[in-house]
Amino acid sequence: MQANRYSLSAAAIALVLGASTGLRAQNELSSFTATGRGGVATPFVTDYQALGINPANLGREMENQPLVTFGLLELGLGAGSQSLTGTQLKNIAFHAEDQLTPADKTALTASFTNGNALNVNVAATSVGLAITLPIGAVAFSNRQRVVGHVGLNETASDVLFNGSNAKIYQVSTYQTNGQYDPAKAPMISAALAGTELQLQWTDEYNVGYGAQVLDTDGFKLSAGVGYRYIRGIGMLDVRITDGEVNAFSSLSPLFKVDYGTVTTSPNFDYRTGSGLKAVGSGHGFDLGLTAEISELVRIGVSVTDLGSMTWEGNVLTANDQNLKKVTSGGVDTYNIFKEASQLFGSSSDAVFTYNPDKQKEETLPAKFRAGASVQLGEKLEAGVDAAVPLNKVAGNINSSLVGLGLDFKPVSWVRLSTGVTGGAGYGTSVPLGITFSTAHYEAGISTRDVVGLISDSSPYYSVAMGVLRFKIGRAR
C-alpha cells in the first residue's frame, strides 16, 4: 500500500467487520422495555435507562420507587434494509461463504442501489446503576454504541459487485484506445453522487442527575442533565453529496488495518495495541424536562448528544478526485464486507486516495426528542414519541423517527408492549415485547418489528433483551 493511499471501501468494511465481532444505535435499543414500544421512550424510561434519552425522568417521584436499581449486560441489536430482500439479508448474515452466481450479483447490484441499502445499530449496556437520593436521583452506565448506514448509487453498487466489469469503466468517453484512461476518468463527486457510508463505534461512560423542581396540585415538573465521556473506537464518515466529497476515517488497532508506509508520515498519529484502544475522545451532554399532569399524563422533551469528539489516532481524510479502475471482478461470496475489503485494500485496486491528518473534530449526533403518555386505567398506558436528528453526522439517525406505543398489564407482573413506528431509514415497523417485573427483579425480550422478522420485503431483524435487572429497597 502506498504511503498516502487507503481505500474508502476498506475503511467501511473494516469498521463493519470489527463491529460484527464486538458490539453494535439508537439509544433506546439497549432498553428492552422501550424497544417493545418501537422506541417510544422519552416519557416512559426511568432510572439508568433514561440516560441518553431523557435524564429528567430520573427526577420523577413514583409510588414504590426503588432505592437502588442496577442491571448487567442489557443488549439490543438491529439490521434493516429498504431495498434488500429478506433472503439477501439472511445470506449476508448467516451464509457469508456461499458463492455468488451471476444472477446473485445482478440482484445484489440492484438491491444495494438505494439510499437505505443497509442500516445497522447495536447498543450494549455492560452495567447500569441508579440511586434515589433525598432529592432526585443519580444514575451511571457504561454502554457500547455502534451505528452504521450504507447508501449507494448505481455506480458504487456496480463497482462493488462487478469490479472492473462495471459499466462506468466501459464508457467510451472515459477511454483511450479502448482502455479506461485515469486522465479522462470522472470525478468521484459525479460518479458516486449520493453515496453515503457512515459508521461509528463509541465506548460511553454516562452519568446523569434528575430532580423534581415543581410540585403543585395536579402538576409536577422534573428536570435533568446528563454527561458522558466518550472513547472513540472507530469512525468512518463518507458523504458524496451536492458536488462535494467529505470523507474521513479513524480506526482503532482492533480493526487490524495495514496502513503501509503511511505510518512514517509526520502528520499520521499511528496507534497500535489491542482491545478497545481508543483513537479519539469527546464529551456529550443531555438536557431534559418531564411534566406530569394529574398523575395521568406525562410530557417529556429532551436534547441529547450535544458536544463533539476529537479523533486523533490513525486519521485519514480525502476530498474529490478521479475515479480509479479496480482490477478485480467484484465480490464473489455473500461475505461482501470481507471480500470488498480485500478487493479495495491493495494499492493497485484503491478507488479512493486518502491523506494522513493529525486530527479531526466531529460534532456528536445530536437529537431533539419529544413525547407524551397517558394512563388509561390500571392496566393500559399509551404514548407517542418523536426523535428528530439535528445534524447528519455519522452515528445519527438519518431521518426523523415517530412512533405510537402501548403498554398493557394483564397481571401485575407481566407487561406486554406493542405499537407502530416509522422513519429513521427503517420504514413502518410493528414492535412487540414482553417484560416480567416484580418488586425486586425485571427481565424481558422485545423486537422493534415483528413483521420485519418474517417479511421478504424491507426486512428488519432486531432484538433487545435483559435478564439481570434488579431493584433493591424502597425510597418512597
Protein backbone atom coordinates (compact mmCIF):
# COMPACT_ATOMS: atom_id res chain seq x y z
CA MET A 1 0.00 0.00 0.00
CA GLN A 2 1.42 3.38 -0.95
CA ALA A 3 2.17 5.95 1.70
CA ASN A 4 -0.91 8.10 1.19
CA ARG A 5 -3.31 5.52 -0.13
CA TYR A 6 -6.11 3.84 1.74
CA SER A 7 -9.33 2.51 0.32
CA LEU A 8 -12.67 4.11 1.18
CA SER A 9 -14.28 0.71 0.87
CA ALA A 10 -11.66 -0.95 3.03
CA ALA A 11 -12.32 1.57 5.78
CA ALA A 12 -16.04 0.98 5.61
CA ILE A 13 -15.72 -2.76 5.55
CA ALA A 14 -13.12 -2.91 8.27
CA LEU A 15 -15.40 -0.99 10.58
CA VAL A 16 -18.38 -3.20 9.82
CA LEU A 17 -16.31 -6.34 10.33
CA GLY A 18 -14.92 -5.01 13.58
CA ALA A 19 -18.38 -4.11 14.80
CA SER A 20 -19.75 -7.50 13.91
CA THR A 21 -17.20 -9.20 16.10
CA GLY A 22 -17.92 -6.97 19.05
CA LEU A 23 -20.95 -4.95 20.00
CA ARG A 24 -23.00 -2.53 17.90
CA ALA A 25 -27.73 2.57 17.60
CA GLN A 26 -30.40 4.35 18.69
CA ASN A 27 -30.07 4.75 22.46
CA GLU A 28 -33.41 3.16 23.27
CA LEU A 29 -32.38 -0.08 21.56
CA SER A 30 -30.49 -1.04 24.73
CA SER A 31 -33.74 -0.83 26.71
CA PHE A 32 -35.86 -3.91 26.09
CA THR A 33 -38.91 -2.14 27.54
CA ALA A 34 -38.64 0.80 25.13
CA THR A 35 -37.82 -1.43 22.16
CA GLY A 36 -41.10 -3.30 22.61
CA ARG A 37 -42.89 0.03 22.13
CA GLY A 38 -40.90 0.72 18.96
CA GLY A 39 -38.57 3.19 20.63
CA VAL A 40 -41.32 5.24 22.28
CA ALA A 41 -39.19 6.18 25.25
CA THR A 42 -39.00 9.89 26.11
CA PRO A 43 -41.96 9.92 28.55
CA PHE A 44 -41.52 6.32 29.72
CA VAL A 45 -37.93 5.32 30.57
CA THR A 46 -36.73 5.56 34.16
CA ASP A 47 -33.54 5.01 36.25
CA TYR A 48 -30.31 4.43 34.30
CA GLN A 49 -32.28 3.56 31.16
CA ALA A 50 -33.18 7.26 30.94
CA LEU A 51 -29.53 8.18 30.28
CA GLY A 52 -29.08 9.37 26.73
CA ILE A 53 -32.85 9.66 26.25
CA ASN A 54 -34.38 11.94 28.88
CA PRO A 55 -32.45 12.49 32.13
CA ALA A 56 -35.40 14.41 33.61
CA ASN A 57 -37.13 11.08 34.24
CA LEU A 58 -34.56 10.41 36.96
CA GLY A 59 -36.34 13.09 38.98
CA ARG A 60 -39.79 11.55 38.75
CA GLU A 61 -41.21 10.56 42.13
CA MET A 62 -43.10 7.31 41.75
CA GLU A 63 -45.01 5.01 44.06
CA ASN A 64 -42.87 2.15 45.40
CA GLN A 65 -39.78 3.69 43.80
CA PRO A 66 -36.68 1.50 44.37
CA LEU A 67 -33.81 2.85 46.41
CA VAL A 68 -31.31 1.22 44.07
CA THR A 69 -31.74 -0.18 40.57
CA PHE A 70 -28.90 -1.93 38.77
CA GLY A 71 -28.54 -4.05 35.69
CA LEU A 72 -25.94 -6.02 33.80
CA LEU A 73 -25.49 -6.97 30.14
CA GLU A 74 -28.54 -5.45 28.50
CA LEU A 75 -28.27 -5.86 24.75
CA GLY A 76 -30.09 -4.58 21.70
CA LEU A 77 -29.22 -5.09 18.06
CA GLY A 78 -30.88 -4.44 14.75
CA ALA A 79 -30.27 -4.58 11.00
CA GLY A 80 -32.68 -3.42 8.35
CA SER A 81 -32.92 -2.50 4.71
CA GLN A 82 -35.39 -0.72 2.47
CA SER A 83 -34.06 -2.45 -0.65
CA LEU A 84 -32.56 -5.85 0.20
CA THR A 85 -34.84 -8.86 0.32
CA GLY A 86 -35.15 -10.90 3.48
CA THR A 87 -33.31 -13.75 1.75
CA GLN A 88 -30.41 -11.48 0.78
CA LEU A 89 -30.08 -10.10 4.31
CA LYS A 90 -30.19 -13.62 5.77
CA ASN A 91 -27.50 -14.81 3.35
CA ILE A 92 -25.23 -11.90 4.24
CA ALA A 93 -25.73 -12.55 7.96
CA PHE A 94 -25.77 -16.36 8.09
CA HIS A 95 -24.40 -17.76 4.80
CA ALA A 96 -21.49 -15.45 4.19
CA GLU A 97 -19.27 -18.02 2.44
CA ASP A 98 -21.83 -19.07 -0.18
CA GLN A 99 -20.68 -18.25 -3.71
CA LEU A 100 -22.46 -15.57 -5.71
CA THR A 101 -23.85 -16.58 -9.08
CA PRO A 102 -24.06 -14.05 -11.94
CA ALA A 103 -27.77 -13.77 -11.14
CA ASP A 104 -26.96 -13.11 -7.47
CA LYS A 105 -24.56 -10.31 -8.45
CA THR A 106 -27.15 -8.73 -10.70
CA ALA A 107 -29.79 -8.86 -7.96
CA LEU A 108 -27.46 -7.51 -5.26
CA THR A 109 -26.27 -4.68 -7.51
CA ALA A 110 -29.87 -3.58 -7.90
CA SER A 111 -30.72 -4.07 -4.21
CA PHE A 112 -27.74 -2.08 -2.93
CA THR A 113 -28.62 0.83 -5.22
CA ASN A 114 -30.63 2.61 -2.58
CA GLY A 115 -30.21 5.42 -0.09
CA ASN A 116 -31.13 3.00 2.72
CA ALA A 117 -29.47 -0.17 1.47
CA LEU A 118 -28.38 -1.15 4.97
CA ASN A 119 -28.83 0.29 8.46
CA VAL A 120 -27.19 -1.49 11.39
CA ASN A 121 -27.25 -0.50 15.04
CA VAL A 122 -26.40 -2.18 18.30
CA ALA A 123 -26.34 -0.86 21.84
CA ALA A 124 -24.98 -2.87 24.76
CA THR A 125 -25.09 -1.69 28.36
CA SER A 126 -22.45 -3.55 30.35
CA VAL A 127 -23.56 -2.07 33.66
CA GLY A 128 -26.19 0.41 34.81
CA LEU A 129 -26.88 1.84 38.26
CA ALA A 130 -29.42 4.31 39.64
CA ILE A 131 -29.68 5.54 43.23
CA THR A 132 -32.61 7.51 44.61
CA LEU A 133 -31.48 10.43 46.77
CA PRO A 134 -33.44 12.55 49.24
CA ILE A 135 -33.78 15.00 46.37
CA GLY A 136 -33.86 13.42 42.94
CA ALA A 137 -31.78 10.53 41.68
CA VAL A 138 -28.37 9.91 40.14
CA ALA A 139 -27.51 7.25 37.57
CA PHE A 140 -24.47 5.77 35.85
CA SER A 141 -23.96 3.41 32.92
CA ASN A 142 -21.33 2.12 30.55
CA ARG A 143 -22.52 1.49 27.04
CA GLN A 144 -21.10 0.42 23.71
CA ARG A 145 -22.78 2.02 20.69
CA VAL A 146 -22.17 1.32 17.02
CA VAL A 147 -24.31 2.79 14.27
CA GLY A 148 -23.95 2.11 10.56
CA HIS A 149 -25.67 3.49 7.47
CA VAL A 150 -24.94 2.41 3.89
CA GLY A 151 -26.50 4.06 0.86
CA LEU A 152 -25.02 3.52 -2.63
CA ASN A 153 -25.77 4.99 -6.00
CA GLU A 154 -25.93 2.76 -9.08
CA THR A 155 -22.25 3.17 -10.00
CA ALA A 156 -20.96 2.49 -6.49
CA SER A 157 -23.05 -0.67 -6.26
CA ASP A 158 -21.99 -1.76 -9.76
CA VAL A 159 -18.29 -1.35 -8.93
CA LEU A 160 -18.74 -3.23 -5.65
CA PHE A 161 -20.28 -6.32 -7.20
CA ASN A 162 -18.85 -6.28 -10.73
CA GLY A 163 -15.48 -4.69 -10.20
CA SER A 164 -13.59 -4.00 -13.44
CA ASN A 165 -16.65 -5.11 -15.40
CA ALA A 166 -18.74 -2.23 -14.06
CA LYS A 167 -20.48 -0.21 -16.72
CA ILE A 168 -18.68 3.04 -15.95
CA TYR A 169 -15.35 1.53 -17.00
CA GLN A 170 -16.80 0.66 -20.41
CA VAL A 171 -17.97 4.19 -21.25
CA SER A 172 -16.09 5.37 -24.37
CA THR A 173 -15.86 8.93 -23.02
CA TYR A 174 -13.52 7.69 -20.30
CA GLN A 175 -11.36 5.55 -22.62
CA THR A 176 -8.30 5.97 -24.79
CA ASN A 177 -7.73 3.32 -27.45
CA GLY A 178 -10.42 1.16 -25.87
CA GLN A 179 -8.89 1.29 -22.36
CA TYR A 180 -10.11 3.14 -19.30
CA ASP A 181 -7.97 6.27 -19.02
CA PRO A 182 -7.46 7.73 -15.50
CA ALA A 183 -6.81 11.11 -17.09
CA LYS A 184 -10.32 11.08 -18.56
CA ALA A 185 -11.96 9.46 -15.56
CA PRO A 186 -14.96 11.20 -13.99
CA MET A 187 -14.65 12.87 -10.61
CA ILE A 188 -15.88 10.83 -7.67
CA SER A 189 -18.27 13.65 -6.74
CA ALA A 190 -20.11 12.97 -10.01
CA ALA A 191 -19.62 9.22 -10.41
CA LEU A 192 -20.59 8.29 -6.85
CA ALA A 193 -23.02 11.15 -6.13
CA GLY A 194 -25.48 10.28 -3.36
CA THR A 195 -23.27 7.58 -1.84
CA GLU A 196 -23.06 7.55 1.96
CA LEU A 197 -21.03 5.32 4.27
CA GLN A 198 -21.43 6.35 7.89
CA LEU A 199 -20.28 4.17 10.74
CA GLN A 200 -19.35 4.94 14.33
CA TRP A 201 -18.30 2.85 17.34
CA THR A 202 -18.03 4.52 20.73
CA ASP A 203 -17.48 3.41 24.33
CA GLU A 204 -19.51 5.68 26.62
CA TYR A 205 -19.46 6.40 30.34
CA ASN A 206 -22.71 8.13 31.26
CA VAL A 207 -23.76 9.93 34.42
CA GLY A 208 -26.98 11.83 34.99
CA TYR A 209 -28.98 13.61 37.65
CA GLY A 210 -32.66 14.50 37.75
CA ALA A 211 -34.86 16.15 40.35
CA GLN A 212 -38.41 17.32 40.77
CA VAL A 213 -38.33 21.12 40.59
CA LEU A 214 -42.04 21.89 40.86
CA ASP A 215 -44.86 20.16 42.75
CA THR A 216 -48.26 21.79 42.77
CA ASP A 217 -51.75 20.42 42.94
CA GLY A 218 -52.15 18.26 39.84
CA PHE A 219 -48.86 19.27 38.21
CA LYS A 220 -45.26 18.14 38.67
CA LEU A 221 -42.16 19.15 36.74
CA SER A 222 -38.81 17.36 36.71
CA ALA A 223 -35.55 18.49 35.14
CA GLY A 224 -32.43 16.52 34.40
CA VAL A 225 -28.96 16.75 32.95
CA GLY A 226 -26.65 14.06 31.63
CA TYR A 227 -22.95 13.96 30.84
CA ARG A 228 -20.94 11.34 29.03
CA TYR A 229 -17.25 10.80 28.47
CA ILE A 230 -16.81 9.13 25.11
CA ARG A 231 -13.95 6.97 23.90
CA GLY A 232 -13.85 6.67 20.12
CA ILE A 233 -13.17 3.14 18.89
CA GLY A 234 -13.86 3.69 15.20
CA MET A 235 -15.28 6.25 12.83
CA LEU A 236 -15.95 6.44 9.11
CA ASP A 237 -17.90 9.35 7.69
CA VAL A 238 -18.13 9.47 3.90
CA ARG A 239 -20.71 11.68 2.22
CA ILE A 240 -20.75 12.41 -1.51
CA THR A 241 -23.49 14.97 -1.94
CA ASP A 242 -24.11 18.32 -3.63
CA GLY A 243 -20.97 18.01 -5.74
CA GLU A 244 -18.72 17.62 -2.72
CA VAL A 245 -16.76 14.74 -1.23
CA ASN A 246 -16.35 14.69 2.55
CA ALA A 247 -14.54 11.63 3.83
CA PHE A 248 -12.51 10.69 6.84
CA SER A 249 -11.74 7.64 8.93
CA SER A 250 -10.13 6.94 12.30
CA LEU A 251 -9.95 3.28 13.29
CA SER A 252 -8.69 1.56 16.43
CA PRO A 253 -5.90 -1.04 16.15
CA LEU A 254 -8.71 -3.51 16.88
CA PHE A 255 -9.53 -3.46 13.14
CA LYS A 256 -6.03 -4.65 12.17
CA VAL A 257 -5.73 -2.24 9.24
CA ASP A 258 -2.42 -2.36 7.34
CA TYR A 259 -1.58 1.29 6.72
CA GLY A 260 1.71 0.53 4.96
CA THR A 261 4.29 3.30 4.88
CA VAL A 262 1.73 5.96 5.71
CA THR A 263 2.74 5.32 9.32
CA THR A 264 6.02 7.17 8.68
CA SER A 265 4.24 10.41 7.82
CA PRO A 266 4.71 13.18 10.43
CA ASN A 267 1.00 14.00 10.01
CA PHE A 268 -0.11 10.49 10.98
CA ASP A 269 -0.58 9.62 14.67
CA TYR A 270 -0.15 5.86 14.33
CA ARG A 271 -1.88 3.93 17.12
CA THR A 272 -1.04 0.30 17.85
CA GLY A 273 -2.13 -2.13 20.54
CA SER A 274 -5.02 -4.48 21.20
CA GLY A 275 -8.52 -4.50 22.63
CA LEU A 276 -10.78 -1.45 22.71
CA LYS A 277 -7.94 1.04 22.40
CA ALA A 278 -9.34 4.48 21.71
CA VAL A 279 -8.36 6.66 18.77
CA GLY A 280 -10.50 9.60 19.86
CA SER A 281 -12.32 11.14 22.80
CA GLY A 282 -15.10 13.60 23.47
CA HIS A 283 -17.76 14.93 25.79
CA GLY A 284 -21.52 14.87 25.39
CA PHE A 285 -24.41 16.46 27.24
CA ASP A 286 -28.15 15.79 27.53
CA LEU A 287 -30.88 18.08 28.85
CA GLY A 288 -34.47 17.13 29.62
CA LEU A 289 -37.80 18.15 31.14
CA THR A 290 -40.75 15.96 32.15
CA ALA A 291 -44.15 17.22 33.25
CA GLU A 292 -46.84 15.12 34.96
CA ILE A 293 -50.45 16.25 34.96
CA SER A 294 -52.89 14.76 37.43
CA GLU A 295 -50.78 11.59 37.58
CA LEU A 296 -52.38 10.56 34.28
CA VAL A 297 -50.46 12.42 31.57
CA ARG A 298 -46.70 12.78 31.15
CA ILE A 299 -44.97 15.02 28.65
CA GLY A 300 -41.23 14.80 28.09
CA VAL A 301 -38.78 16.73 25.94
CA SER A 302 -35.02 16.43 25.66
CA VAL A 303 -31.98 17.32 23.61
CA THR A 304 -29.30 14.64 23.54
CA ASP A 305 -25.73 14.25 22.33
CA LEU A 306 -24.74 17.89 22.46
CA GLY A 307 -20.97 18.20 22.15
CA SER A 308 -18.16 16.96 19.97
CA MET A 309 -15.37 14.43 19.63
CA THR A 310 -11.78 14.81 18.54
CA TRP A 311 -10.36 11.89 16.56
CA GLU A 312 -6.56 11.81 16.80
CA GLY A 313 -5.35 8.30 16.03
CA ASN A 314 -4.99 6.78 12.55
CA VAL A 315 -6.80 9.74 10.96
CA LEU A 316 -7.17 9.80 7.18
CA THR A 317 -9.07 12.39 5.16
CA ALA A 318 -9.97 12.74 1.50
CA ASN A 319 -11.52 15.18 -0.94
CA ASP A 320 -12.73 14.94 -4.52
CA GLN A 321 -10.59 13.09 -7.08
CA ASN A 322 -10.75 10.99 -10.24
CA LEU A 323 -12.40 7.56 -10.01
CA LYS A 324 -9.84 4.77 -10.32
CA LYS A 325 -10.44 1.45 -12.02
CA VAL A 326 -10.28 -1.69 -9.89
CA THR A 327 -8.74 -4.87 -11.28
CA SER A 328 -10.92 -7.44 -9.52
CA GLY A 329 -14.20 -8.74 -10.90
CA GLY A 330 -16.07 -7.75 -7.74
CA VAL A 331 -17.09 -9.70 -4.66
CA ASP A 332 -17.65 -13.42 -5.14
CA THR A 333 -19.44 -14.51 -1.96
CA TYR A 334 -22.09 -13.20 0.42
CA ASN A 335 -19.23 -12.23 2.72
CA ILE A 336 -19.50 -8.90 0.97
CA PHE A 337 -17.70 -6.84 3.58
CA LYS A 338 -14.67 -9.10 3.86
CA GLU A 339 -14.26 -9.50 0.11
CA ALA A 340 -14.78 -5.82 -0.56
CA SER A 341 -12.04 -5.08 1.95
CA GLN A 342 -9.69 -7.39 0.02
CA LEU A 343 -10.85 -6.02 -3.31
CA PHE A 344 -10.17 -2.39 -2.46
CA GLY A 345 -7.45 -2.86 0.13
CA SER A 346 -4.40 -3.01 -2.17
CA SER A 347 -2.67 -0.03 -3.74
CA SER A 348 -3.35 -1.36 -7.23
CA ASP A 349 -7.08 -1.53 -6.55
CA ALA A 350 -7.63 1.53 -4.41
CA VAL A 351 -10.65 3.51 -5.59
CA PHE A 352 -10.01 6.39 -3.22
CA THR A 353 -6.86 8.25 -2.19
CA TYR A 354 -6.70 9.30 1.45
CA ASN A 355 -4.13 11.55 3.09
CA PRO A 356 -2.92 11.30 6.70
CA ASP A 357 -4.06 14.01 9.08
CA LYS A 358 -3.21 14.87 12.67
CA GLN A 359 -6.77 15.09 13.98
CA LYS A 360 -10.39 15.65 13.03
CA GLU A 361 -13.13 17.16 15.17
CA GLU A 362 -16.68 15.91 14.66
CA THR A 363 -19.96 17.08 16.15
CA LEU A 364 -21.90 14.46 18.09
CA PRO A 365 -25.14 13.07 16.56
CA ALA A 366 -27.49 15.47 18.35
CA LYS A 367 -31.23 14.77 18.50
CA PHE A 368 -34.34 16.51 19.76
CA ARG A 369 -36.91 14.23 21.39
CA ALA A 370 -40.50 14.91 22.43
CA GLY A 371 -43.16 12.53 23.66
CA ALA A 372 -46.27 12.15 25.77
CA SER A 373 -48.05 9.30 27.52
CA VAL A 374 -51.46 8.84 29.11
CA GLN A 375 -52.60 6.32 31.71
CA LEU A 376 -55.77 4.59 30.54
CA GLY A 377 -56.85 2.77 33.67
CA GLU A 378 -54.69 0.49 35.81
CA LYS A 379 -53.65 -1.87 33.04
CA LEU A 380 -53.09 0.24 29.93
CA GLU A 381 -50.76 3.13 29.12
CA ALA A 382 -50.30 4.70 25.67
CA GLY A 383 -47.68 7.10 24.39
CA VAL A 384 -46.36 8.92 21.35
CA ASP A 385 -42.76 9.89 20.72
CA ALA A 386 -40.60 11.56 18.10
CA ALA A 387 -36.84 11.80 17.67
CA VAL A 388 -35.52 14.37 15.20
CA PRO A 389 -31.85 14.41 14.08
CA LEU A 390 -30.27 17.85 14.48
CA ASN A 391 -27.36 17.07 12.14
CA LYS A 392 -26.26 14.47 9.58
CA VAL A 393 -23.03 13.23 11.13
CA ALA A 394 -22.13 9.56 11.44
CA GLY A 395 -23.96 7.83 14.25
CA ASN A 396 -27.19 9.79 13.92
CA ILE A 397 -30.49 8.51 12.64
CA ASN A 398 -30.79 9.58 9.00
CA SER A 399 -34.40 10.82 9.27
CA SER A 400 -36.97 11.54 11.97
CA LEU A 401 -38.38 8.65 14.00
CA VAL A 402 -42.05 8.80 15.05
CA GLY A 403 -43.93 6.16 17.00
CA LEU A 404 -47.01 5.19 18.96
CA GLY A 405 -46.53 2.75 21.84
CA LEU A 406 -48.77 0.77 24.18
CA ASP A 407 -48.10 -0.99 27.49
CA PHE A 408 -50.68 -3.48 28.75
CA LYS A 409 -50.56 -5.35 32.07
CA PRO A 410 -52.82 -8.42 32.03
CA VAL A 411 -51.48 -9.21 35.51
CA SER A 412 -49.33 -7.15 37.86
CA TRP A 413 -46.06 -8.93 36.98
CA VAL A 414 -46.40 -9.09 33.18
CA ARG A 415 -46.23 -6.14 30.81
CA LEU A 416 -46.95 -6.54 27.10
CA SER A 417 -45.74 -3.82 24.74
CA THR A 418 -46.50 -3.01 21.12
CA GLY A 419 -47.24 -0.09 18.81
CA VAL A 420 -46.27 1.25 15.42
CA THR A 421 -43.26 3.31 14.41
CA GLY A 422 -41.78 4.76 11.24
CA GLY A 423 -38.77 6.66 9.97
CA ALA A 424 -35.02 6.64 10.66
CA GLY A 425 -34.47 4.64 7.49
CA TYR A 426 -36.50 1.64 8.61
CA GLY A 427 -39.96 2.26 7.19
CA THR A 428 -43.06 1.30 9.16
CA SER A 429 -42.49 -1.18 11.98
CA VAL A 430 -44.73 -3.10 14.38
CA PRO A 431 -42.87 -3.72 17.67
CA LEU A 432 -43.64 -6.41 20.22
CA GLY A 433 -42.24 -7.08 23.67
CA ILE A 434 -42.84 -8.81 26.97
CA THR A 435 -41.45 -7.81 30.36
CA PHE A 436 -41.65 -9.78 33.59
CA SER A 437 -41.45 -7.47 36.58
CA THR A 438 -41.67 -7.98 40.33
CA ALA A 439 -40.78 -5.73 43.23
CA HIS A 440 -37.12 -6.79 43.03
CA TYR A 441 -36.44 -8.23 39.58
CA GLU A 442 -37.14 -7.45 35.94
CA ALA A 443 -36.41 -9.28 32.67
CA GLY A 444 -37.72 -9.11 29.16
CA ILE A 445 -37.26 -9.52 25.44
CA SER A 446 -38.60 -7.48 22.53
CA THR A 447 -38.27 -6.68 18.85
CA ARG A 448 -38.70 -3.38 17.04
CA ASP A 449 -40.53 -5.03 14.14
CA VAL A 450 -42.25 -8.39 14.34
CA VAL A 451 -43.30 -8.09 10.69
CA GLY A 452 -39.75 -7.35 9.54
CA LEU A 453 -38.58 -10.62 11.07
CA ILE A 454 -40.61 -12.64 8.59
CA SER A 455 -41.11 -10.30 5.63
CA ASP A 456 -39.06 -10.67 2.45
CA SER A 457 -39.67 -7.01 1.62
CA SER A 458 -37.92 -4.32 3.70
CA PRO A 459 -36.59 -6.84 6.24
CA TYR A 460 -35.73 -5.64 9.72
CA TYR A 461 -34.13 -8.01 12.20
CA SER A 462 -33.99 -6.66 15.74
CA VAL A 463 -33.97 -7.91 19.29
CA ALA A 464 -33.42 -6.33 22.72
CA MET A 465 -33.16 -8.27 25.95
CA GLY A 466 -32.18 -8.10 29.56
CA VAL A 467 -32.33 -10.74 32.29
CA LEU A 468 -30.12 -9.22 35.00
CA ARG A 469 -32.04 -6.16 36.19
CA PHE A 470 -32.58 -5.82 39.93
CA LYS A 471 -34.31 -3.41 42.33
CA ILE A 472 -33.30 -3.04 45.95
CA GLY A 473 -35.14 -1.34 48.81
CA ARG A 474 -37.82 1.32 48.70
CA ALA A 475 -37.12 5.04 48.55
CA ARG A 476 -40.76 6.12 48.80
